[in-house]
Amino acid sequence: MMLNNERVADEIYASIKKAVLCQDYKIGDTIEVQNLAAEFGVSSHIAEQALQLLCQRGLLNQVATDMYSVKETHGKEFYYSGRFQIMFLNMEYIIQKLKETNIPIVKKPLSMHVEAMKMGVNKHDYLAYIQASERFYIELCKQANMDILDKSLQTIKKQLTAFDDIFGKKFLLMSSMCTAEATGLLLMALEDRAYDQAKSIVQELYNYYISLLVD
């Protein structure tokens, strides 16, 4: 039954997302939980699940206990946030795999990439920062025996290329310092096998990215 509830919530999420991006809902329009539940013939709990997810994706604001309003959104930012969501979900998946196997990470190569990230940030060297970030991700995939996720990184790179000279480069440079610091904290958590803490760091960093994209 839980899986069915999640499926219905996903369907409502997809429907409202499309309506917002197609501007069937205007900026500032409100959506009430009870009205949405009645429209789709579901419980208030299921309707609220969908609305909370839309908040996490930066499309809505919660303005009252049972009411949400439509935020201003821009297609490229939403697309960009979707690509980052895939990467961060991969990171959480990797951390879960490390937790299940309880295999200690090899710190030295990961630490080297973190230091290279920080050096790139300090020198305002965009290319060095990006390359070090990718190498950290790839090394973590390797240590978790999840090399397949490396391929998803290459796909994401291709999808983001169009933004690099306009929107993407500015965004990545703006978030680079926070990302480098968070990656250092992530490495420490993984070294201590504090996997829940590691997931929390990844989630906080993702939320920070979304706030930059939509605020």
Protein backbone atom coordinates (compact mmCIF):
# COMPACT_ATOMS: atom_id res chain seq x y z
CA MET A 1 0.00 0.00 0.00
CA MET A 2 2.87 2.37 0.80
CA LEU A 3 4.36 1.88 -2.68
CA ASN A 4 0.99 2.68 -4.23
CA ASN A 5 0.72 5.85 -2.15
CA GLU A 6 4.17 6.89 -3.31
CA ARG A 7 3.20 6.23 -6.94
CA VAL A 8 0.08 8.40 -6.61
CA ALA A 9 2.10 11.17 -4.94
CA ASP A 10 4.59 10.99 -7.83
CA GLU A 11 1.76 11.31 -10.35
CA ILE A 12 0.41 14.41 -8.58
CA TYR A 13 3.93 15.82 -8.41
CA ALA A 14 4.43 15.32 -12.16
CA SER A 15 1.06 16.90 -12.95
CA ILE A 16 1.61 20.00 -10.81
CA LYS A 17 5.22 20.38 -11.99
CA LYS A 18 4.06 20.41 -15.61
CA ALA A 19 1.31 22.93 -14.80
CA VAL A 20 3.78 25.27 -13.08
CA LEU A 21 6.42 25.08 -15.82
CA CYS A 22 3.75 25.55 -18.52
CA GLN A 23 2.45 28.53 -16.49
CA ASP A 24 -1.02 27.07 -16.05
CA TYR A 25 -0.30 28.14 -12.47
CA LYS A 26 0.97 31.71 -12.26
CA ILE A 27 3.60 33.05 -9.86
CA GLY A 28 1.94 33.64 -6.50
CA ASP A 29 -1.01 31.32 -7.17
CA THR A 30 -1.86 29.21 -4.14
CA ILE A 31 -2.59 25.49 -3.90
CA GLU A 32 -4.49 24.17 -0.88
CA VAL A 33 -3.87 20.63 0.30
CA GLN A 34 -7.56 19.80 0.72
CA ASN A 35 -8.47 21.12 -2.74
CA LEU A 36 -5.64 19.17 -4.37
CA ALA A 37 -6.60 16.01 -2.51
CA ALA A 38 -10.21 16.38 -3.67
CA GLU A 39 -9.13 17.05 -7.27
CA PHE A 40 -7.13 13.83 -7.44
CA GLY A 41 -9.37 11.79 -5.16
CA VAL A 42 -6.64 11.02 -2.62
CA SER A 43 -6.00 11.62 1.05
CA SER A 44 -4.59 14.92 2.31
CA HIS A 45 -1.43 13.10 3.36
CA ILE A 46 -0.70 11.92 -0.19
CA ALA A 47 -1.43 15.36 -1.66
CA GLU A 48 0.89 16.97 0.88
CA GLN A 49 3.69 14.51 0.01
CA ALA A 50 3.59 15.73 -3.57
CA LEU A 51 3.52 19.40 -2.55
CA GLN A 52 6.46 18.94 -0.18
CA LEU A 53 8.48 17.39 -2.98
CA LEU A 54 7.65 20.35 -5.22
CA CYS A 55 8.94 22.61 -2.44
CA GLN A 56 12.19 20.63 -2.30
CA ARG A 57 12.56 21.07 -6.06
CA GLY A 58 12.13 24.83 -5.70
CA LEU A 59 8.79 25.24 -7.47
CA LEU A 60 6.60 26.02 -4.45
CA ASN A 61 6.78 27.79 -1.09
CA GLN A 62 4.82 26.61 1.92
CA VAL A 63 2.89 29.67 3.13
CA ALA A 64 0.63 27.98 5.71
CA THR A 65 0.09 24.56 7.25
CA ASP A 66 -2.15 23.49 4.38
CA MET A 67 -1.31 26.00 1.65
CA TYR A 68 1.50 26.42 -0.90
CA SER A 69 2.27 29.17 -3.40
CA VAL A 70 4.00 29.08 -6.79
CA LYS A 71 7.52 30.50 -6.89
CA GLU A 72 9.14 32.24 -9.82
CA THR A 73 11.01 29.65 -11.87
CA HIS A 74 13.23 29.71 -14.92
CA GLY A 75 13.49 26.73 -17.25
CA LYS A 76 17.28 26.53 -17.36
CA GLU A 77 17.63 26.71 -13.58
CA PHE A 78 15.06 23.98 -13.09
CA TYR A 79 16.75 21.81 -15.70
CA TYR A 80 20.11 22.43 -14.04
CA SER A 81 18.74 21.52 -10.62
CA GLY A 82 17.39 18.26 -12.04
CA ARG A 83 20.82 17.26 -13.27
CA PHE A 84 22.31 18.04 -9.88
CA GLN A 85 19.61 15.98 -8.20
CA ILE A 86 20.74 12.95 -10.19
CA MET A 87 24.34 13.45 -9.10
CA PHE A 88 23.43 13.91 -5.44
CA LEU A 89 21.16 10.87 -5.47
CA ASN A 90 24.13 8.93 -6.84
CA MET A 91 26.26 10.22 -3.96
CA GLU A 92 23.68 9.06 -1.42
CA TYR A 93 23.56 5.69 -3.17
CA ILE A 94 27.35 5.40 -2.96
CA ILE A 95 27.32 6.26 0.75
CA GLN A 96 24.64 3.64 1.36
CA LYS A 97 26.75 1.05 -0.45
CA LEU A 98 29.77 1.93 1.69
CA LYS A 99 27.59 1.62 4.79
CA GLU A 100 26.27 -1.81 3.78
CA THR A 101 29.72 -3.20 2.99
CA ASN A 102 31.38 -1.36 5.90
CA ILE A 103 34.63 -1.26 3.92
CA PRO A 104 36.95 1.54 5.07
CA ILE A 105 37.71 4.16 2.44
CA VAL A 106 41.25 4.79 1.22
CA LYS A 107 41.69 8.38 2.32
CA LYS A 108 44.86 9.46 0.51
CA PRO A 109 43.57 9.72 -3.10
CA LEU A 110 40.28 11.28 -1.98
CA SER A 111 42.10 13.79 0.22
CA MET A 112 44.36 14.70 -2.68
CA HIS A 113 41.34 15.59 -4.82
CA VAL A 114 39.77 17.63 -2.01
CA GLU A 115 42.97 19.66 -1.66
CA ALA A 116 43.05 20.17 -5.42
CA MET A 117 39.45 21.44 -5.27
CA LYS A 118 40.36 23.94 -2.56
CA MET A 119 43.44 25.07 -4.46
CA GLY A 120 41.35 25.59 -7.59
CA VAL A 121 38.89 27.69 -5.58
CA ASN A 122 41.65 29.79 -4.02
CA LYS A 123 43.28 30.43 -7.38
CA HIS A 124 39.93 31.04 -9.11
CA ASP A 125 40.87 28.26 -11.50
CA TYR A 126 37.51 26.98 -12.76
CA LEU A 127 38.91 24.09 -14.80
CA ALA A 128 41.14 22.78 -11.99
CA TYR A 129 38.25 22.93 -9.51
CA ILE A 130 35.88 21.05 -11.84
CA GLN A 131 38.47 18.39 -12.69
CA ALA A 132 39.29 17.81 -9.01
CA SER A 133 35.57 17.54 -8.16
CA GLU A 134 35.06 14.96 -10.89
CA ARG A 135 38.10 12.96 -9.78
CA PHE A 136 36.85 12.88 -6.19
CA TYR A 137 33.48 11.56 -7.41
CA ILE A 138 35.08 8.97 -9.70
CA GLU A 139 37.45 7.76 -6.96
CA LEU A 140 34.54 7.38 -4.55
CA CYS A 141 32.65 5.36 -7.18
CA LYS A 142 35.71 3.16 -7.60
CA GLN A 143 36.15 2.55 -3.86
CA ALA A 144 32.46 1.63 -3.52
CA ASN A 145 32.77 -0.76 -6.50
CA MET A 146 30.20 1.33 -8.36
CA ASP A 147 32.14 2.31 -11.48
CA ILE A 148 28.89 2.27 -13.45
CA LEU A 149 27.97 5.60 -11.83
CA ASP A 150 31.03 7.17 -13.43
CA LYS A 151 29.17 6.91 -16.74
CA SER A 152 26.30 8.96 -15.34
CA LEU A 153 28.78 11.73 -14.53
CA GLN A 154 29.89 11.84 -18.16
CA THR A 155 26.25 12.09 -19.25
CA ILE A 156 25.63 14.94 -16.81
CA LYS A 157 28.72 16.76 -18.12
CA LYS A 158 27.38 16.63 -21.66
CA GLN A 159 23.98 17.88 -20.54
CA LEU A 160 25.50 20.81 -18.64
CA THR A 161 27.95 21.91 -21.32
CA ALA A 162 25.48 24.33 -22.87
CA PHE A 163 25.32 26.28 -19.61
CA ASP A 164 29.07 26.51 -18.94
CA ASP A 165 29.76 29.83 -20.64
CA ILE A 166 26.62 31.59 -19.45
CA PHE A 167 24.72 30.30 -16.47
CA GLY A 168 26.63 27.19 -15.40
CA LYS A 169 30.11 28.59 -14.97
CA LYS A 170 28.86 31.49 -12.86
CA PHE A 171 26.81 29.12 -10.71
CA LEU A 172 29.65 26.65 -10.17
CA LEU A 173 32.11 29.37 -9.26
CA MET A 174 29.59 30.90 -6.86
CA SER A 175 29.08 27.57 -5.09
CA SER A 176 32.67 26.29 -5.33
CA MET A 177 33.91 27.37 -1.89
CA CYS A 178 30.95 25.82 -0.07
CA THR A 179 31.28 22.65 -2.17
CA ALA A 180 34.98 22.27 -1.42
CA GLU A 181 34.37 22.69 2.31
CA ALA A 182 31.45 20.25 2.29
CA THR A 183 33.50 17.69 0.38
CA GLY A 184 36.19 17.90 3.05
CA LEU A 185 33.58 17.29 5.75
CA LEU A 186 32.16 14.41 3.72
CA LEU A 187 35.58 12.79 3.55
CA MET A 188 36.00 13.07 7.33
CA ALA A 189 32.57 11.51 7.91
CA LEU A 190 33.33 8.62 5.55
CA GLU A 191 36.70 8.04 7.21
CA ASP A 192 34.90 7.78 10.57
CA ARG A 193 32.22 5.57 8.96
CA ALA A 194 29.64 8.12 10.09
CA TYR A 195 27.44 7.31 7.11
CA ASP A 196 24.28 9.06 8.28
CA GLN A 197 26.30 12.20 8.85
CA ALA A 198 27.80 11.83 5.36
CA LYS A 199 24.30 11.63 3.85
CA SER A 200 23.27 14.70 5.83
CA ILE A 201 26.23 16.67 4.43
CA VAL A 202 25.29 15.69 0.88
CA GLN A 203 21.65 16.66 1.44
CA GLU A 204 22.58 20.02 2.96
CA LEU A 205 24.86 20.78 0.04
CA TYR A 206 22.11 19.88 -2.44
CA ASN A 207 19.64 22.12 -0.61
CA TYR A 208 22.21 24.93 -0.77
CA TYR A 209 22.55 24.45 -4.54
CA ILE A 210 18.78 24.57 -4.99
CA SER A 211 18.55 27.77 -2.93
CA LEU A 212 21.10 29.39 -5.27
CA LEU A 213 19.18 28.25 -8.32
CA VAL A 214 15.70 29.38 -7.35
CA ASP A 215 15.97 32.20 -4.81
